[in-house]
Amino acid sequence: MFKNKLKAFFIHFLLSAVAVSLIFLAVVLVWFPSPFLGLTNFKDVATIIIAVDLVLGPLLTFVVFNPKKKSLKKDLTVIVSIQIFALSYGIYTLFLTHPVYIAFHDNAFNMIIAKQAMPEKAKYEQLKVSKLSKPTFVYMKTDKEIRDKLFADTINGGRDVEANAEFYEPYADNLESILENSLDAVKLFEEKNLTASSKEFLEEYNERKNDYAYLPLIGTSRNAIIVIDKKTAKVVTTINDDPWKFAKTE
């Protein structure tokens, strides 16, 4: 009997692992592409999904499995239903919390998650993206009067200031304005300020480090430094460090 239970456990675990792995792969590639994965709550949600679908489900199968049991099919159906519900809820949560826009506003990039994003309000067609798509970089153009109004709306329960898509402008067209807010690269790479992440960056990009701009990126779980190619405007990677330590001073 024990061997049968163990076999059922491993079969259930294997099938669950394959299903969860394929779904996670698709979710990461589309909704949480590098280098944004570690700046979100993906790990927390993924842990819950794994706990239910890869641990609890197979364990319950181990407990109830008995070929002679008349209600076995019903028991297994209930277990699988719990797994599907947990997986569906987890995927829905990941959808709501994945970044739809990476909006530059004021002096930093901000992650705008699907729960807050309003692509239908964007004035440019190319910025009216699907909430199911990969993150889109945008530039948010406001003046002091607009910022004050949006901030007041946020305090009164409205969306975050950076989530107001009607003020979005194409990212590449505003690169010059974005680069004006670059962090102090000299200070960032001073020996006394190097972290494991910045050392890893230098190992790969040291010869071209002056070709890049370093800007604050405000994530949903933590902040980081986003590295951008000054000429192409493409994102190179991120450095896991507090960006505000390297803000330029007048």
Protein backbone atom coordinates (compact mmCIF):
# COMPACT_ATOMS: atom_id res chain seq x y z
CA MET A 1 0.00 0.00 0.00
CA PHE A 2 2.81 2.40 0.91
CA LYS A 3 4.47 1.87 -2.49
CA ASN A 4 1.18 2.62 -4.24
CA LYS A 5 0.74 5.80 -2.22
CA LEU A 6 4.31 6.86 -2.95
CA LYS A 7 3.87 6.20 -6.65
CA ALA A 8 0.65 8.23 -6.71
CA PHE A 9 2.42 11.04 -4.86
CA PHE A 10 5.28 11.22 -7.38
CA ILE A 11 2.98 11.04 -10.40
CA HIS A 12 0.82 13.83 -9.00
CA PHE A 13 3.89 15.86 -8.11
CA LEU A 14 5.44 15.42 -11.55
CA LEU A 15 2.27 16.42 -13.39
CA SER A 16 1.79 19.42 -11.12
CA ALA A 17 5.44 20.47 -11.50
CA VAL A 18 5.23 20.37 -15.29
CA ALA A 19 2.01 22.40 -15.36
CA VAL A 20 3.21 25.01 -12.87
CA SER A 21 6.63 25.32 -14.54
CA LEU A 22 5.12 25.96 -17.98
CA ILE A 23 2.72 28.55 -16.60
CA PHE A 24 5.44 30.29 -14.60
CA LEU A 25 7.69 30.37 -17.65
CA ALA A 26 5.00 32.09 -19.71
CA VAL A 27 4.16 34.51 -16.90
CA VAL A 28 7.79 35.49 -16.32
CA LEU A 29 8.59 35.95 -20.01
CA VAL A 30 5.55 38.15 -20.66
CA TRP A 31 4.53 39.86 -17.43
CA PHE A 32 7.74 39.93 -15.40
CA PRO A 33 10.61 40.08 -17.89
CA SER A 34 14.16 40.76 -16.79
CA PRO A 35 15.16 42.97 -15.11
CA PHE A 36 11.86 43.64 -13.28
CA LEU A 37 11.12 40.26 -11.72
CA GLY A 38 13.01 40.85 -8.48
CA LEU A 39 11.41 44.26 -7.94
CA THR A 40 7.87 42.90 -7.68
CA ASN A 41 5.91 40.64 -5.34
CA PHE A 42 6.23 37.71 -7.76
CA LYS A 43 8.22 35.65 -5.26
CA ASP A 44 5.55 35.92 -2.55
CA VAL A 45 2.71 34.85 -4.85
CA ALA A 46 4.80 32.12 -6.48
CA THR A 47 5.62 30.70 -3.05
CA ILE A 48 1.92 30.32 -2.23
CA ILE A 49 1.21 28.67 -5.59
CA ILE A 50 4.09 26.24 -5.12
CA ALA A 51 3.02 25.44 -1.56
CA VAL A 52 -0.49 24.49 -2.68
CA ASP A 53 0.17 22.93 -6.08
CA LEU A 54 3.51 21.22 -5.54
CA VAL A 55 3.33 20.37 -1.85
CA LEU A 56 -0.21 20.24 -0.50
CA GLY A 57 -1.80 18.64 -3.58
CA PRO A 58 0.57 15.66 -3.87
CA LEU A 59 0.57 15.19 -0.08
CA LEU A 60 -3.22 14.99 -0.02
CA THR A 61 -3.06 12.44 -2.82
CA PHE A 62 -0.60 10.41 -0.75
CA VAL A 63 -2.98 10.50 2.22
CA VAL A 64 -6.21 9.55 0.41
CA PHE A 65 -4.83 7.17 -2.23
CA ASN A 66 -6.19 3.66 -1.94
CA PRO A 67 -7.04 1.72 -5.13
CA LYS A 68 -9.82 -0.11 -3.28
CA LYS A 69 -11.44 3.07 -2.00
CA LYS A 70 -14.82 3.70 -3.67
CA SER A 71 -14.61 7.46 -3.27
CA LEU A 72 -11.03 7.73 -4.62
CA LYS A 73 -12.03 9.44 -7.89
CA LYS A 74 -14.15 11.92 -5.98
CA ASP A 75 -11.33 12.62 -3.50
CA LEU A 76 -8.79 13.15 -6.29
CA THR A 77 -11.22 15.41 -8.14
CA VAL A 78 -11.60 17.59 -5.04
CA ILE A 79 -7.81 17.79 -4.62
CA VAL A 80 -7.24 18.74 -8.25
CA SER A 81 -10.05 21.30 -8.03
CA ILE A 82 -8.34 22.92 -5.03
CA GLN A 83 -5.09 23.04 -6.97
CA ILE A 84 -6.72 24.58 -10.03
CA PHE A 85 -8.47 27.18 -7.89
CA ALA A 86 -5.22 28.09 -6.11
CA LEU A 87 -3.32 28.27 -9.39
CA SER A 88 -6.01 30.38 -11.04
CA TYR A 89 -6.17 32.77 -8.11
CA GLY A 90 -2.37 33.02 -8.07
CA ILE A 91 -2.21 33.78 -11.78
CA TYR A 92 -4.94 36.40 -11.41
CA THR A 93 -3.00 38.00 -8.55
CA LEU A 94 0.16 38.03 -10.68
CA PHE A 95 -1.81 39.62 -13.50
CA LEU A 96 -3.05 42.42 -11.25
CA THR A 97 0.43 43.11 -9.88
CA HIS A 98 2.56 42.83 -13.00
CA PRO A 99 3.91 46.09 -14.46
CA VAL A 100 2.06 47.34 -17.52
CA TYR A 101 4.01 50.60 -17.73
CA ILE A 102 7.41 51.73 -16.55
CA ALA A 103 6.66 55.43 -16.32
CA PHE A 104 9.35 58.06 -15.88
CA HIS A 105 8.01 60.96 -13.83
CA ASP A 106 9.79 63.74 -12.01
CA ASN A 107 13.15 62.04 -11.39
CA ALA A 108 12.55 58.30 -11.41
CA PHE A 109 11.01 55.36 -13.24
CA ASN A 110 7.90 53.95 -11.58
CA MET A 111 6.25 50.57 -12.03
CA ILE A 112 2.57 50.94 -12.86
CA ILE A 113 0.84 47.62 -12.21
CA ALA A 114 -2.20 46.30 -14.09
CA LYS A 115 -4.45 47.03 -11.13
CA GLN A 116 -3.75 50.75 -11.51
CA ALA A 117 -2.89 51.10 -15.19
CA MET A 118 -5.32 52.98 -17.44
CA PRO A 119 -4.08 52.36 -21.00
CA GLU A 120 -7.43 53.38 -22.47
CA LYS A 121 -6.76 56.96 -21.34
CA ALA A 122 -3.44 57.30 -23.16
CA LYS A 123 -3.56 59.95 -25.90
CA TYR A 124 -1.11 58.11 -28.15
CA GLU A 125 -2.36 54.98 -29.89
CA GLN A 126 0.96 53.18 -29.44
CA LEU A 127 0.66 53.69 -25.69
CA LYS A 128 -2.84 52.19 -25.46
CA VAL A 129 -1.34 48.83 -24.70
CA SER A 130 -3.02 45.64 -23.53
CA LYS A 131 -2.82 44.88 -19.83
CA LEU A 132 -1.73 41.40 -20.87
CA SER A 133 1.36 42.68 -22.66
CA LYS A 134 4.95 43.21 -21.58
CA PRO A 135 5.82 46.41 -19.67
CA THR A 136 5.95 49.53 -21.86
CA PHE A 137 8.29 52.42 -21.12
CA VAL A 138 6.68 55.88 -21.13
CA TYR A 139 7.52 59.43 -20.14
CA MET A 140 5.00 61.31 -18.00
CA LYS A 141 4.88 65.02 -18.80
CA THR A 142 3.33 67.32 -16.19
CA ASP A 143 3.81 70.78 -14.79
CA LYS A 144 3.66 71.84 -11.14
CA GLU A 145 -0.04 72.65 -11.26
CA ILE A 146 -0.93 69.25 -12.71
CA ARG A 147 1.36 67.42 -10.28
CA ASP A 148 -0.22 69.18 -7.30
CA LYS A 149 -3.71 68.27 -8.52
CA LEU A 150 -2.80 64.63 -9.16
CA PHE A 151 -1.10 64.39 -5.78
CA ALA A 152 -4.21 65.79 -4.07
CA ASP A 153 -6.32 63.21 -5.91
CA THR A 154 -4.00 60.45 -4.70
CA ILE A 155 -4.31 61.61 -1.08
CA ASN A 156 -8.09 61.51 -1.46
CA GLY A 157 -8.03 57.87 -2.50
CA GLY A 158 -7.24 58.19 -6.18
CA ARG A 159 -4.65 56.35 -8.22
CA ASP A 160 -0.95 56.96 -7.85
CA VAL A 161 0.19 60.09 -9.66
CA GLU A 162 2.23 58.08 -12.18
CA ALA A 163 -0.79 55.93 -13.15
CA ASN A 164 -2.54 58.77 -15.00
CA ALA A 165 -1.97 57.61 -18.56
CA GLU A 166 -3.42 60.73 -20.21
CA PHE A 167 -0.10 62.45 -19.49
CA TYR A 168 2.08 59.74 -21.02
CA GLU A 169 4.47 60.63 -23.85
CA PRO A 170 6.60 58.28 -25.98
CA TYR A 171 9.66 57.21 -24.02
CA ALA A 172 12.28 57.44 -26.79
CA ASP A 173 11.17 60.95 -27.77
CA ASN A 174 11.96 62.23 -24.29
CA LEU A 175 15.24 60.48 -23.63
CA GLU A 176 17.17 63.73 -23.26
CA SER A 177 14.88 64.94 -20.47
CA ILE A 178 15.14 61.55 -18.76
CA LEU A 179 18.94 61.48 -18.88
CA GLU A 180 19.10 64.86 -17.16
CA ASN A 181 18.06 63.01 -14.00
CA SER A 182 20.88 60.47 -14.14
CA LEU A 183 22.51 59.42 -10.90
CA ASP A 184 26.12 60.15 -10.02
CA ALA A 185 27.94 57.29 -11.78
CA VAL A 186 31.31 58.25 -10.31
CA LYS A 187 29.95 57.94 -6.80
CA LEU A 188 28.09 54.75 -7.67
CA PHE A 189 31.28 52.96 -8.68
CA GLU A 190 33.56 54.27 -5.96
CA GLU A 191 35.26 51.38 -4.22
CA LYS A 192 33.66 52.20 -0.86
CA ASN A 193 30.17 52.15 -2.37
CA LEU A 194 30.40 48.92 -4.36
CA THR A 195 27.89 46.21 -3.54
CA ALA A 196 27.71 42.63 -4.77
CA SER A 197 25.30 43.76 -7.49
CA SER A 198 27.40 46.71 -8.70
CA LYS A 199 30.53 44.54 -8.69
CA GLU A 200 28.71 41.98 -10.81
CA PHE A 201 27.71 44.75 -13.20
CA LEU A 202 31.30 45.97 -13.52
CA GLU A 203 32.55 42.48 -14.25
CA GLU A 204 30.39 42.40 -17.38
CA TYR A 205 30.05 46.03 -18.41
CA ASN A 206 33.07 47.87 -17.00
CA GLU A 207 34.50 48.81 -20.41
CA ARG A 208 31.21 50.41 -21.47
CA LYS A 209 30.00 51.77 -18.15
CA ASN A 210 30.32 55.36 -19.41
CA ASP A 211 27.97 54.58 -22.30
CA TYR A 212 25.13 54.02 -19.86
CA ALA A 213 22.92 56.21 -17.72
CA TYR A 214 21.90 55.15 -14.21
CA LEU A 215 18.46 56.17 -12.95
CA PRO A 216 16.17 55.38 -10.00
CA LEU A 217 13.58 52.66 -10.48
CA ILE A 218 10.77 52.45 -7.93
CA GLY A 219 9.49 48.88 -7.76
CA THR A 220 6.51 47.41 -5.96
CA SER A 221 8.62 45.49 -3.44
CA ARG A 222 11.90 47.43 -3.49
CA ASN A 223 13.83 50.06 -5.42
CA ALA A 224 16.84 49.65 -7.69
CA ILE A 225 19.03 51.42 -10.22
CA ILE A 226 18.05 50.90 -13.84
CA VAL A 227 20.83 50.99 -16.42
CA ILE A 228 19.99 52.51 -19.83
CA ASP A 229 22.03 52.81 -23.01
CA LYS A 230 22.40 56.54 -23.67
CA LYS A 231 22.27 56.13 -27.45
CA THR A 232 19.65 53.44 -28.00
CA ALA A 233 17.52 54.10 -24.89
CA LYS A 234 17.40 50.34 -24.33
CA VAL A 235 17.38 48.90 -20.83
CA VAL A 236 20.58 46.98 -20.11
CA THR A 237 20.00 45.66 -16.60
CA THR A 238 19.41 46.80 -13.03
CA ILE A 239 21.73 47.23 -10.06
CA ASN A 240 20.28 46.21 -6.72
CA ASP A 241 21.11 49.21 -4.59
CA ASP A 242 19.35 52.22 -3.09
CA PRO A 243 19.35 54.75 -5.95
CA TRP A 244 18.83 57.77 -3.76
CA LYS A 245 22.31 57.41 -2.26
CA PHE A 246 23.73 58.41 -5.62
CA ALA A 247 21.52 61.35 -6.55
CA LYS A 248 23.52 64.26 -7.92
CA THR A 249 23.84 67.28 -5.68
CA GLU A 250 23.87 70.85 -6.92
